[in-house]
Amino acid sequence: MLLIIAITVHNFPEGLAVGVGYASVEKNGMDIQQAHNLALGIGLQNFPEGLAVSVPLRAAGMSTLQSFFWGQASGMVEPLAGIIGVVCATAVEGILSTALLSPPER
């Protein structure tokens, strides 16, 4: 169970990164192909993560269907985090350049 939680927590910032990537299209010099590449790269590395959850569960005696379900469920947080990433990046877009400026010298 700890492995499922760890992979799920690990997937949350990956989803945020994809969401921010898509929210940055046409801004900050990023185009849609770069956002697709980011999503594809993160998506491809999710296959071994799903296996890392499913295989130990199957070896521990869980049914194939249940272990597959938990492997998939551990990654379901990623699309939700992607939506949060888009919403948050869009919401702070107006103040982001100002917020990233260094404070004035005294």
PDB file of N, CA and C in Angstrom:
ATOM      1  N   MET A   1       0.829  -1.198   0.000  1.00  0.00           N
ATOM      2  CA  MET A   1       0.000   0.000   0.000  1.00  0.00           C
ATOM      3  C   MET A   1       0.867   1.253   0.000  1.00  0.00           C
ATOM      4  N   LEU A   2       1.996   1.191   0.707  1.00  0.00           N
ATOM      5  CA  LEU A   2       2.891   2.344   0.755  1.00  0.00           C
ATOM      6  C   LEU A   2       3.429   2.678  -0.634  1.00  0.00           C
ATOM      7  N   LEU A   3       3.708   1.666  -1.445  1.00  0.00           N
ATOM      8  CA  LEU A   3       4.198   1.883  -2.799  1.00  0.00           C
ATOM      9  C   LEU A   3       3.144   2.590  -3.651  1.00  0.00           C
ATOM     10  N   ILE A   4       1.902   2.209  -3.510  1.00  0.00           N
ATOM     11  CA  ILE A   4       0.819   2.862  -4.258  1.00  0.00           C
ATOM     12  C   ILE A   4       0.741   4.332  -3.887  1.00  0.00           C
ATOM     13  N   ILE A   5       0.809   4.624  -2.606  1.00  0.00           N
ATOM     14  CA  ILE A   5       0.762   6.013  -2.145  1.00  0.00           C
ATOM     15  C   ILE A   5       1.965   6.788  -2.660  1.00  0.00           C
ATOM     16  N   ALA A   6       3.150   6.181  -2.609  1.00  0.00           N
ATOM     17  CA  ALA A   6       4.362   6.875  -3.057  1.00  0.00           C
ATOM     18  C   ALA A   6       4.297   7.210  -4.539  1.00  0.00           C
ATOM     19  N   ILE A   7       3.881   6.272  -5.367  1.00  0.00           N
ATOM     20  CA  ILE A   7       3.790   6.528  -6.810  1.00  0.00           C
ATOM     21  C   ILE A   7       2.700   7.556  -7.090  1.00  0.00           C
ATOM     22  N   THR A   8       1.593   7.488  -6.375  1.00  0.00           N
ATOM     23  CA  THR A   8       0.518   8.463  -6.566  1.00  0.00           C
ATOM     24  C   THR A   8       0.979   9.862  -6.213  1.00  0.00           C
ATOM     25  N   VAL A   9       1.663  10.010  -5.094  1.00  0.00           N
ATOM     26  CA  VAL A   9       2.189  11.320  -4.693  1.00  0.00           C
ATOM     27  C   VAL A   9       3.227  11.801  -5.716  1.00  0.00           C
ATOM     28  N   HIS A  10       4.028  10.895  -6.229  1.00  0.00           N
ATOM     29  CA  HIS A  10       5.035  11.218  -7.236  1.00  0.00           C
ATOM     30  C   HIS A  10       4.383  11.723  -8.524  1.00  0.00           C
ATOM     31  N   ASN A  11       3.217  11.200  -8.881  1.00  0.00           N
ATOM     32  CA  ASN A  11       2.552  11.585 -10.124  1.00  0.00           C
ATOM     33  C   ASN A  11       1.914  12.961 -10.068  1.00  0.00           C
ATOM     34  N   PHE A  12       1.615  13.466  -8.895  1.00  0.00           N
ATOM     35  CA  PHE A  12       0.943  14.757  -8.787  1.00  0.00           C
ATOM     36  C   PHE A  12       1.773  15.898  -9.399  1.00  0.00           C
ATOM     37  N   PRO A  13       3.041  16.080  -9.030  1.00  0.00           N
ATOM     38  CA  PRO A  13       3.803  17.171  -9.652  1.00  0.00           C
ATOM     39  C   PRO A  13       4.060  16.956 -11.140  1.00  0.00           C
ATOM     40  N   GLU A  14       4.080  15.705 -11.590  1.00  0.00           N
ATOM     41  CA  GLU A  14       4.208  15.463 -13.021  1.00  0.00           C
ATOM     42  C   GLU A  14       2.984  16.009 -13.756  1.00  0.00           C
ATOM     43  N   GLY A  15       1.810  15.785 -13.201  1.00  0.00           N
ATOM     44  CA  GLY A  15       0.593  16.339 -13.790  1.00  0.00           C
ATOM     45  C   GLY A  15       0.599  17.851 -13.777  1.00  0.00           C
ATOM     46  N   LEU A  16       1.076  18.435 -12.681  1.00  0.00           N
ATOM     47  CA  LEU A  16       1.186  19.893 -12.624  1.00  0.00           C
ATOM     48  C   LEU A  16       2.100  20.413 -13.723  1.00  0.00           C
ATOM     49  N   ALA A  17       3.216  19.727 -13.950  1.00  0.00           N
ATOM     50  CA  ALA A  17       4.169  20.162 -14.980  1.00  0.00           C
ATOM     51  C   ALA A  17       3.522  20.136 -16.365  1.00  0.00           C
ATOM     52  N   VAL A  18       2.767  19.103 -16.657  1.00  0.00           N
ATOM     53  CA  VAL A  18       2.094  19.025 -17.955  1.00  0.00           C
ATOM     54  C   VAL A  18       1.052  20.138 -18.072  1.00  0.00           C
ATOM     55  N   GLY A  19       0.303  20.365 -17.017  1.00  0.00           N
ATOM     56  CA  GLY A  19      -0.698  21.434 -17.041  1.00  0.00           C
ATOM     57  C   GLY A  19      -0.084  22.802 -17.246  1.00  0.00           C
ATOM     58  N   VAL A  20       0.992  23.087 -16.548  1.00  0.00           N
ATOM     59  CA  VAL A  20       1.675  24.372 -16.712  1.00  0.00           C
ATOM     60  C   VAL A  20       2.263  24.469 -18.113  1.00  0.00           C
ATOM     61  N   GLY A  21       2.749  23.338 -18.644  1.00  0.00           N
ATOM     62  CA  GLY A  21       3.269  23.325 -20.007  1.00  0.00           C
ATOM     63  C   GLY A  21       2.208  23.731 -21.012  1.00  0.00           C
ATOM     64  N   TYR A  22       1.020  23.170 -20.899  1.00  0.00           N
ATOM     65  CA  TYR A  22      -0.060  23.533 -21.817  1.00  0.00           C
ATOM     66  C   TYR A  22      -0.556  24.953 -21.575  1.00  0.00           C
ATOM     67  N   ALA A  23      -0.544  25.400 -20.340  1.00  0.00           N
ATOM     68  CA  ALA A  23      -0.966  26.778 -20.058  1.00  0.00           C
ATOM     69  C   ALA A  23       0.042  27.788 -20.605  1.00  0.00           C
ATOM     70  N   SER A  24       1.286  27.363 -20.825  1.00  0.00           N
ATOM     71  CA  SER A  24       2.336  28.256 -21.305  1.00  0.00           C
ATOM     72  C   SER A  24       2.417  28.341 -22.822  1.00  0.00           C
ATOM     73  N   VAL A  25       1.555  27.615 -23.523  1.00  0.00           N
ATOM     74  CA  VAL A  25       1.579  27.646 -24.985  1.00  0.00           C
ATOM     75  C   VAL A  25       1.277  29.067 -25.446  1.00  0.00           C
ATOM     76  N   GLU A  26       2.043  29.505 -26.421  1.00  0.00           N
ATOM     77  CA  GLU A  26       1.936  30.855 -26.996  1.00  0.00           C
ATOM     78  C   GLU A  26       2.368  31.941 -26.019  1.00  0.00           C
ATOM     79  N   LYS A  27       2.885  31.561 -24.904  1.00  0.00           N
ATOM     80  CA  LYS A  27       3.423  32.515 -23.935  1.00  0.00           C
ATOM     81  C   LYS A  27       4.807  32.018 -23.585  1.00  0.00           C
ATOM     82  N   ASN A  28       5.659  32.875 -23.204  1.00  0.00           N
ATOM     83  CA  ASN A  28       6.994  32.487 -22.748  1.00  0.00           C
ATOM     84  C   ASN A  28       7.761  31.685 -23.798  1.00  0.00           C
ATOM     85  N   GLY A  29       7.424  31.842 -25.069  1.00  0.00           N
ATOM     86  CA  GLY A  29       8.161  31.186 -26.144  1.00  0.00           C
ATOM     87  C   GLY A  29       7.899  29.705 -26.299  1.00  0.00           C
ATOM     88  N   MET A  30       6.894  29.148 -25.659  1.00  0.00           N
ATOM     89  CA  MET A  30       6.602  27.713 -25.764  1.00  0.00           C
ATOM     90  C   MET A  30       5.508  27.501 -26.809  1.00  0.00           C
ATOM     91  N   ASP A  31       5.670  26.483 -27.647  1.00  0.00           N
ATOM     92  CA  ASP A  31       4.626  26.187 -28.621  1.00  0.00           C
ATOM     93  C   ASP A  31       3.930  24.871 -28.265  1.00  0.00           C
ATOM     94  N   ILE A  32       2.874  24.563 -28.998  1.00  0.00           N
ATOM     95  CA  ILE A  32       2.045  23.404 -28.671  1.00  0.00           C
ATOM     96  C   ILE A  32       2.831  22.096 -28.820  1.00  0.00           C
ATOM     97  N   GLN A  33       3.772  22.049 -29.764  1.00  0.00           N
ATOM     98  CA  GLN A  33       4.557  20.825 -29.950  1.00  0.00           C
ATOM     99  C   GLN A  33       5.416  20.536 -28.726  1.00  0.00           C
ATOM    100  N   GLN A  34       5.966  21.569 -28.109  1.00  0.00           N
ATOM    101  CA  GLN A  34       6.759  21.360 -26.897  1.00  0.00           C
ATOM    102  C   GLN A  34       5.882  20.848 -25.753  1.00  0.00           C
ATOM    103  N   ALA A  35       4.665  21.366 -25.655  1.00  0.00           N
ATOM    104  CA  ALA A  35       3.737  20.886 -24.623  1.00  0.00           C
ATOM    105  C   ALA A  35       3.372  19.424 -24.878  1.00  0.00           C
ATOM    106  N   HIS A  36       3.136  19.073 -26.150  1.00  0.00           N
ATOM    107  CA  HIS A  36       2.851  17.672 -26.493  1.00  0.00           C
ATOM    108  C   HIS A  36       4.033  16.774 -26.150  1.00  0.00           C
ATOM    109  N   ASN A  37       5.244  17.237 -26.455  1.00  0.00           N
ATOM    110  CA  ASN A  37       6.439  16.441 -26.156  1.00  0.00           C
ATOM    111  C   ASN A  37       6.595  16.204 -24.660  1.00  0.00           C
ATOM    112  N   LEU A  38       6.326  17.242 -23.865  1.00  0.00           N
ATOM    113  CA  LEU A  38       6.390  17.096 -22.414  1.00  0.00           C
ATOM    114  C   LEU A  38       5.377  16.058 -21.933  1.00  0.00           C
ATOM    115  N   ALA A  39       4.153  16.164 -22.423  1.00  0.00           N
ATOM    116  CA  ALA A  39       3.107  15.214 -22.029  1.00  0.00           C
ATOM    117  C   ALA A  39       3.445  13.798 -22.486  1.00  0.00           C
ATOM    118  N   LEU A  40       3.984  13.662 -23.691  1.00  0.00           N
ATOM    119  CA  LEU A  40       4.355  12.344 -24.196  1.00  0.00           C
ATOM    120  C   LEU A  40       5.485  11.738 -23.365  1.00  0.00           C
ATOM    121  N   GLY A  41       6.488  12.524 -23.051  1.00  0.00           N
ATOM    122  CA  GLY A  41       7.608  12.031 -22.248  1.00  0.00           C
ATOM    123  C   GLY A  41       7.176  11.563 -20.875  1.00  0.00           C
ATOM    124  N   ILE A  42       6.364  12.358 -20.234  1.00  0.00           N
ATOM    125  CA  ILE A  42       5.878  11.975 -18.904  1.00  0.00           C
ATOM    126  C   ILE A  42       4.935  10.783 -19.015  1.00  0.00           C
ATOM    127  N   GLY A  43       4.115  10.764 -20.058  1.00  0.00           N
ATOM    128  CA  GLY A  43       3.207   9.634 -20.252  1.00  0.00           C
ATOM    129  C   GLY A  43       3.944   8.323 -20.479  1.00  0.00           C
ATOM    130  N   LEU A  44       5.005   8.361 -21.269  1.00  0.00           N
ATOM    131  CA  LEU A  44       5.770   7.137 -21.536  1.00  0.00           C
ATOM    132  C   LEU A  44       6.441   6.586 -20.282  1.00  0.00           C
ATOM    133  N   GLN A  45       6.933   7.463 -19.438  1.00  0.00           N
ATOM    134  CA  GLN A  45       7.592   6.956 -18.229  1.00  0.00           C
ATOM    135  C   GLN A  45       6.584   6.507 -17.172  1.00  0.00           C
ATOM    136  N   ASN A  46       5.310   6.721 -17.423  1.00  0.00           N
ATOM    137  CA  ASN A  46       4.290   6.213 -16.504  1.00  0.00           C
ATOM    138  C   ASN A  46       4.053   4.710 -16.660  1.00  0.00           C
ATOM    139  N   PHE A  47       4.409   4.135 -17.821  1.00  0.00           N
ATOM    140  CA  PHE A  47       4.242   2.687 -17.997  1.00  0.00           C
ATOM    141  C   PHE A  47       5.054   1.892 -16.978  1.00  0.00           C
ATOM    142  N   PRO A  48       6.364   2.175 -16.834  1.00  0.00           N
ATOM    143  CA  PRO A  48       7.100   1.416 -15.810  1.00  0.00           C
ATOM    144  C   PRO A  48       6.639   1.726 -14.391  1.00  0.00           C
ATOM    145  N   GLU A  49       6.127   2.914 -14.163  1.00  0.00           N
ATOM    146  CA  GLU A  49       5.603   3.220 -12.826  1.00  0.00           C
ATOM    147  C   GLU A  49       4.373   2.371 -12.529  1.00  0.00           C
ATOM    148  N   GLY A  50       3.488   2.214 -13.520  1.00  0.00           N
ATOM    149  CA  GLY A  50       2.323   1.353 -13.337  1.00  0.00           C
ATOM    150  C   GLY A  50       2.725  -0.085 -13.086  1.00  0.00           C
ATOM    151  N   LEU A  51       3.745  -0.526 -13.799  1.00  0.00           N
ATOM    152  CA  LEU A  51       4.257  -1.883 -13.563  1.00  0.00           C
ATOM    153  C   LEU A  51       4.867  -2.008 -12.176  1.00  0.00           C
ATOM    154  N   ALA A  52       5.538  -0.950 -11.733  1.00  0.00           N
ATOM    155  CA  ALA A  52       6.156  -0.974 -10.404  1.00  0.00           C
ATOM    156  C   ALA A  52       5.105  -1.111  -9.308  1.00  0.00           C
ATOM    157  N   VAL A  53       3.886  -0.688  -9.591  1.00  0.00           N
ATOM    158  CA  VAL A  53       2.801  -0.868  -8.633  1.00  0.00           C
ATOM    159  C   VAL A  53       2.146  -2.241  -8.828  1.00  0.00           C
ATOM    160  N   SER A  54       1.849  -2.598 -10.073  1.00  0.00           N
ATOM    161  CA  SER A  54       1.067  -3.802 -10.357  1.00  0.00           C
ATOM    162  C   SER A  54       1.805  -5.104 -10.076  1.00  0.00           C
ATOM    163  N   VAL A  55       3.053  -5.196 -10.492  1.00  0.00           N
ATOM    164  CA  VAL A  55       3.783  -6.464 -10.376  1.00  0.00           C
ATOM    165  C   VAL A  55       3.958  -6.903  -8.914  1.00  0.00           C
ATOM    166  N   PRO A  56       4.389  -6.029  -8.005  1.00  0.00           N
ATOM    167  CA  PRO A  56       4.497  -6.474  -6.609  1.00  0.00           C
ATOM    168  C   PRO A  56       3.147  -6.869  -5.996  1.00  0.00           C
ATOM    169  N   LEU A  57       2.092  -6.172  -6.398  1.00  0.00           N
ATOM    170  CA  LEU A  57       0.773  -6.530  -5.883  1.00  0.00           C
ATOM    171  C   LEU A  57       0.350  -7.906  -6.385  1.00  0.00           C
ATOM    172  N   ARG A  58       0.629  -8.177  -7.656  1.00  0.00           N
ATOM    173  CA  ARG A  58       0.304  -9.499  -8.219  1.00  0.00           C
ATOM    174  C   ARG A  58       1.137 -10.580  -7.543  1.00  0.00           C
ATOM    175  N   ALA A  59       2.416 -10.285  -7.307  1.00  0.00           N
ATOM    176  CA  ALA A  59       3.299 -11.253  -6.645  1.00  0.00           C
ATOM    177  C   ALA A  59       2.860 -11.522  -5.208  1.00  0.00           C
ATOM    178  N   ALA A  60       2.219 -10.529  -4.581  1.00  0.00           N
ATOM    179  CA  ALA A  60       1.747 -10.695  -3.208  1.00  0.00           C
ATOM    180  C   ALA A  60       0.430 -11.452  -3.130  1.00  0.00           C
ATOM    181  N   GLY A  61      -0.117 -11.847  -4.302  1.00  0.00           N
ATOM    182  CA  GLY A  61      -1.323 -12.666  -4.295  1.00  0.00           C
ATOM    183  C   GLY A  61      -2.588 -11.958  -4.725  1.00  0.00           C
ATOM    184  N   MET A  62      -2.513 -10.685  -5.048  1.00  0.00           N
ATOM    185  CA  MET A  62      -3.696  -9.970  -5.511  1.00  0.00           C
ATOM    186  C   MET A  62      -4.036 -10.454  -6.922  1.00  0.00           C
ATOM    187  N   SER A  63      -5.298 -10.407  -7.280  1.00  0.00           N
ATOM    188  CA  SER A  63      -5.695 -10.862  -8.609  1.00  0.00           C
ATOM    189  C   SER A  63      -5.115  -9.939  -9.682  1.00  0.00           C
ATOM    190  N   THR A  64      -5.058 -10.458 -10.884  1.00  0.00           N
ATOM    191  CA  THR A  64      -4.524  -9.674 -12.004  1.00  0.00           C
ATOM    192  C   THR A  64      -5.350  -8.413 -12.215  1.00  0.00           C
ATOM    193  N   LEU A  65      -6.659  -8.537 -12.147  1.00  0.00           N
ATOM    194  CA  LEU A  65      -7.535  -7.384 -12.355  1.00  0.00           C
ATOM    195  C   LEU A  65      -7.339  -6.335 -11.260  1.00  0.00           C
ATOM    196  N   GLN A  66      -7.244  -6.772 -10.019  1.00  0.00           N
ATOM    197  CA  GLN A  66      -7.048  -5.830  -8.915  1.00  0.00           C
ATOM    198  C   GLN A  66      -5.685  -5.148  -9.011  1.00  0.00           C
ATOM    199  N   SER A  67      -4.651  -5.891  -9.316  1.00  0.00           N
ATOM    200  CA  SER A  67      -3.326  -5.286  -9.405  1.00  0.00           C
ATOM    201  C   SER A  67      -3.260  -4.318 -10.583  1.00  0.00           C
ATOM    202  N   PHE A  68      -3.914  -4.666 -11.689  1.00  0.00           N
ATOM    203  CA  PHE A  68      -3.996  -3.740 -12.827  1.00  0.00           C
ATOM    204  C   PHE A  68      -4.744  -2.476 -12.428  1.00  0.00           C
ATOM    205  N   PHE A  69      -5.845  -2.639 -11.714  1.00  0.00           N
ATOM    206  CA  PHE A  69      -6.628  -1.484 -11.270  1.00  0.00           C
ATOM    207  C   PHE A  69      -5.785  -0.537 -10.414  1.00  0.00           C
ATOM    208  N   TRP A  70      -5.054  -1.069  -9.438  1.00  0.00           N
ATOM    209  CA  TRP A  70      -4.249  -0.221  -8.563  1.00  0.00           C
ATOM    210  C   TRP A  70      -3.096   0.430  -9.319  1.00  0.00           C
ATOM    211  N   GLY A  71      -2.556  -0.264 -10.300  1.00  0.00           N
ATOM    212  CA  GLY A  71      -1.521   0.342 -11.144  1.00  0.00           C
ATOM    213  C   GLY A  71      -2.061   1.524 -11.917  1.00  0.00           C
ATOM    214  N   GLN A  72      -3.272   1.372 -12.437  1.00  0.00           N
ATOM    215  CA  GLN A  72      -3.904   2.475 -13.176  1.00  0.00           C
ATOM    216  C   GLN A  72      -4.351   3.590 -12.232  1.00  0.00           C
ATOM    217  N   ALA A  73      -4.891   3.218 -11.098  1.00  0.00           N
ATOM    218  CA  ALA A  73      -5.384   4.213 -10.140  1.00  0.00           C
ATOM    219  C   ALA A  73      -4.260   5.099  -9.619  1.00  0.00           C
ATOM    220  N   SER A  74      -3.068   4.544  -9.493  1.00  0.00           N
ATOM    221  CA  SER A  74      -1.948   5.361  -9.004  1.00  0.00           C
ATOM    222  C   SER A  74      -1.599   6.483  -9.970  1.00  0.00           C
ATOM    223  N   GLY A  75      -1.941   6.325 -11.238  1.00  0.00           N
ATOM    224  CA  GLY A  75      -1.666   7.368 -12.220  1.00  0.00           C
ATOM    225  C   GLY A  75      -2.834   8.297 -12.486  1.00  0.00           C
ATOM    226  N   MET A  76      -4.005   8.016 -11.936  1.00  0.00           N
ATOM    227  CA  MET A  76      -5.185   8.832 -12.225  1.00  0.00           C
ATOM    228  C   MET A  76      -5.121  10.223 -11.615  1.00  0.00           C
ATOM    229  N   VAL A  77      -4.210  10.420 -10.681  1.00  0.00           N
ATOM    230  CA  VAL A  77      -4.061  11.740 -10.085  1.00  0.00           C
ATOM    231  C   VAL A  77      -3.406  12.713 -11.076  1.00  0.00           C
ATOM    232  N   GLU A  78      -2.699  12.172 -12.057  1.00  0.00           N
ATOM    233  CA  GLU A  78      -1.950  13.020 -12.980  1.00  0.00           C
ATOM    234  C   GLU A  78      -2.848  13.919 -13.851  1.00  0.00           C
ATOM    235  N   PRO A  79      -3.907  13.404 -14.495  1.00  0.00           N
ATOM    236  CA  PRO A  79      -4.770  14.309 -15.256  1.00  0.00           C
ATOM    237  C   PRO A  79      -5.452  15.362 -14.374  1.00  0.00           C
ATOM    238  N   LEU A  80      -5.821  14.967 -13.168  1.00  0.00           N
ATOM    239  CA  LEU A  80      -6.436  15.950 -12.262  1.00  0.00           C
ATOM    240  C   LEU A  80      -5.439  17.044 -11.895  1.00  0.00           C
ATOM    241  N   ALA A  81      -4.203  16.660 -11.627  1.00  0.00           N
ATOM    242  CA  ALA A  81      -3.171  17.654 -11.320  1.00  0.00           C
ATOM    243  C   ALA A  81      -2.873  18.521 -12.534  1.00  0.00           C
ATOM    244  N   GLY A  82      -2.992  17.947 -13.731  1.00  0.00           N
ATOM    245  CA  GLY A  82      -2.807  18.730 -14.948  1.00  0.00           C
ATOM    246  C   GLY A  82      -3.834  19.838 -15.070  1.00  0.00           C
ATOM    247  N   ILE A  83      -5.069  19.523 -14.744  1.00  0.00           N
ATOM    248  CA  ILE A  83      -6.126  20.549 -14.773  1.00  0.00           C
ATOM    249  C   ILE A  83      -5.832  21.624 -13.736  1.00  0.00           C
ATOM    250  N   ILE A  84      -5.413  21.218 -12.561  1.00  0.00           N
ATOM    251  CA  ILE A  84      -5.048  22.192 -11.520  1.00  0.00           C
ATOM    252  C   ILE A  84      -3.892  23.052 -11.999  1.00  0.00           C
ATOM    253  N   GLY A  85      -2.905  22.447 -12.680  1.00  0.00           N
ATOM    254  CA  GLY A  85      -1.766  23.203 -13.197  1.00  0.00           C
ATOM    255  C   GLY A  85      -2.182  24.247 -14.209  1.00  0.00           C
ATOM    256  N   VAL A  86      -3.089  23.888 -15.122  1.00  0.00           N
ATOM    257  CA  VAL A  86      -3.575  24.854 -16.114  1.00  0.00           C
ATOM    258  C   VAL A  86      -4.306  25.999 -15.427  1.00  0.00           C
ATOM    259  N   VAL A  87      -5.201  25.665 -14.505  1.00  0.00           N
ATOM    260  CA  VAL A  87      -5.994  26.694 -13.814  1.00  0.00           C
ATOM    261  C   VAL A  87      -5.086  27.637 -13.021  1.00  0.00           C
ATOM    262  N   CYS A  88      -4.152  27.080 -12.267  1.00  0.00           N
ATOM    263  CA  CYS A  88      -3.276  27.913 -11.444  1.00  0.00           C
ATOM    264  C   CYS A  88      -2.343  28.768 -12.293  1.00  0.00           C
ATOM    265  N   ALA A  89      -1.772  28.180 -13.341  1.00  0.00           N
ATOM    266  CA  ALA A  89      -0.859  28.944 -14.197  1.00  0.00           C
ATOM    267  C   ALA A  89      -1.589  30.061 -14.912  1.00  0.00           C
ATOM    268  N   THR A  90      -2.817  29.805 -15.324  1.00  0.00           N
ATOM    269  CA  THR A  90      -3.611  30.833 -15.984  1.00  0.00           C
ATOM    270  C   THR A  90      -4.005  31.930 -14.997  1.00  0.00           C
ATOM    271  N   ALA A  91      -4.315  31.555 -13.774  1.00  0.00           N
ATOM    272  CA  ALA A  91      -4.746  32.528 -12.769  1.00  0.00           C
ATOM    273  C   ALA A  91      -3.639  33.487 -12.371  1.00  0.00           C
ATOM    274  N   VAL A  92      -2.402  33.005 -12.317  1.00  0.00           N
ATOM    275  CA  VAL A  92      -1.301  33.866 -11.865  1.00  0.00           C
ATOM    276  C   VAL A  92      -0.499  34.455 -13.016  1.00  0.00           C
ATOM    277  N   GLU A  93      -0.941  34.226 -14.238  1.00  0.00           N
ATOM    278  CA  GLU A  93      -0.199  34.685 -15.405  1.00  0.00           C
ATOM    279  C   GLU A  93       0.071  36.181 -15.375  1.00  0.00           C
ATOM    280  N   GLY A  94      -0.898  36.963 -14.971  1.00  0.00           N
ATOM    281  CA  GLY A  94      -0.748  38.415 -14.962  1.00  0.00           C
ATOM    282  C   GLY A  94       0.283  38.932 -13.975  1.00  0.00           C
ATOM    283  N   ILE A  95       0.466  38.245 -12.872  1.00  0.00           N
ATOM    284  CA  ILE A  95       1.406  38.730 -11.853  1.00  0.00           C
ATOM    285  C   ILE A  95       2.726  37.967 -11.852  1.00  0.00           C
ATOM    286  N   LEU A  96       2.831  36.948 -12.707  1.00  0.00           N
ATOM    287  CA  LEU A  96       4.003  36.089 -12.660  1.00  0.00           C
ATOM    288  C   LEU A  96       5.292  36.830 -12.971  1.00  0.00           C
ATOM    289  N   SER A  97       5.294  37.652 -14.017  1.00  0.00           N
ATOM    290  CA  SER A  97       6.534  38.352 -14.355  1.00  0.00           C
ATOM    291  C   SER A  97       6.926  39.329 -13.256  1.00  0.00           C
ATOM    292  N   THR A  98       5.969  39.964 -12.639  1.00  0.00           N
ATOM    293  CA  THR A  98       6.270  40.879 -11.539  1.00  0.00           C
ATOM    294  C   THR A  98       6.745  40.113 -10.313  1.00  0.00           C
ATOM    295  N   ALA A  99       6.126  38.996 -10.036  1.00  0.00           N
ATOM    296  CA  ALA A  99       6.488  38.204  -8.850  1.00  0.00           C
ATOM    297  C   ALA A  99       7.883  37.615  -8.967  1.00  0.00           C
ATOM    298  N   LEU A 100       8.351  37.378 -10.182  1.00  0.00           N
ATOM    299  CA  LEU A 100       9.658  36.783 -10.376  1.00  0.00           C
ATOM    300  C   LEU A 100      10.787  37.805 -10.411  1.00  0.00           C
ATOM    301  N   LEU A 101      10.437  39.077 -10.430  1.00  0.00           N
ATOM    302  CA  LEU A 101      11.474  40.109 -10.414  1.00  0.00           C
ATOM    303  C   LEU A 101      12.154  40.127  -9.057  1.00  0.00           C
ATOM    304  N   SER A 102      13.441  40.377  -9.069  1.00  0.00           N
ATOM    305  CA  SER A 102      14.153  40.476  -7.802  1.00  0.00           C
ATOM    306  C   SER A 102      13.826  41.787  -7.130  1.00  0.00           C
ATOM    307  N   PRO A 103      13.871  41.833  -5.810  1.00  0.00           N
ATOM    308  CA  PRO A 103      13.534  43.067  -5.091  1.00  0.00           C
ATOM    309  C   PRO A 103      14.559  44.147  -5.414  1.00  0.00           C
ATOM    310  N   PRO A 104      14.163  45.406  -5.317  1.00  0.00           N
ATOM    311  CA  PRO A 104      15.082  46.502  -5.624  1.00  0.00           C
ATOM    312  C   PRO A 104      16.229  46.557  -4.620  1.00  0.00           C
ATOM    313  N   GLU A 105      17.373  47.019  -5.100  1.00  0.00           N
ATOM    314  CA  GLU A 105      18.534  47.177  -4.228  1.00  0.00           C
ATOM    315  C   GLU A 105      18.291  48.350  -3.284  1.00  0.00           C
ATOM    316  N   ARG A 106      18.806  48.236  -2.087  1.00  0.00           N
ATOM    317  CA  ARG A 106      18.654  49.335  -1.107  1.00  0.00           C
ATOM    318  C   ARG A 106      19.962  49.977  -0.850  1.00  0.00           C
TER     319      ARG A 106
END
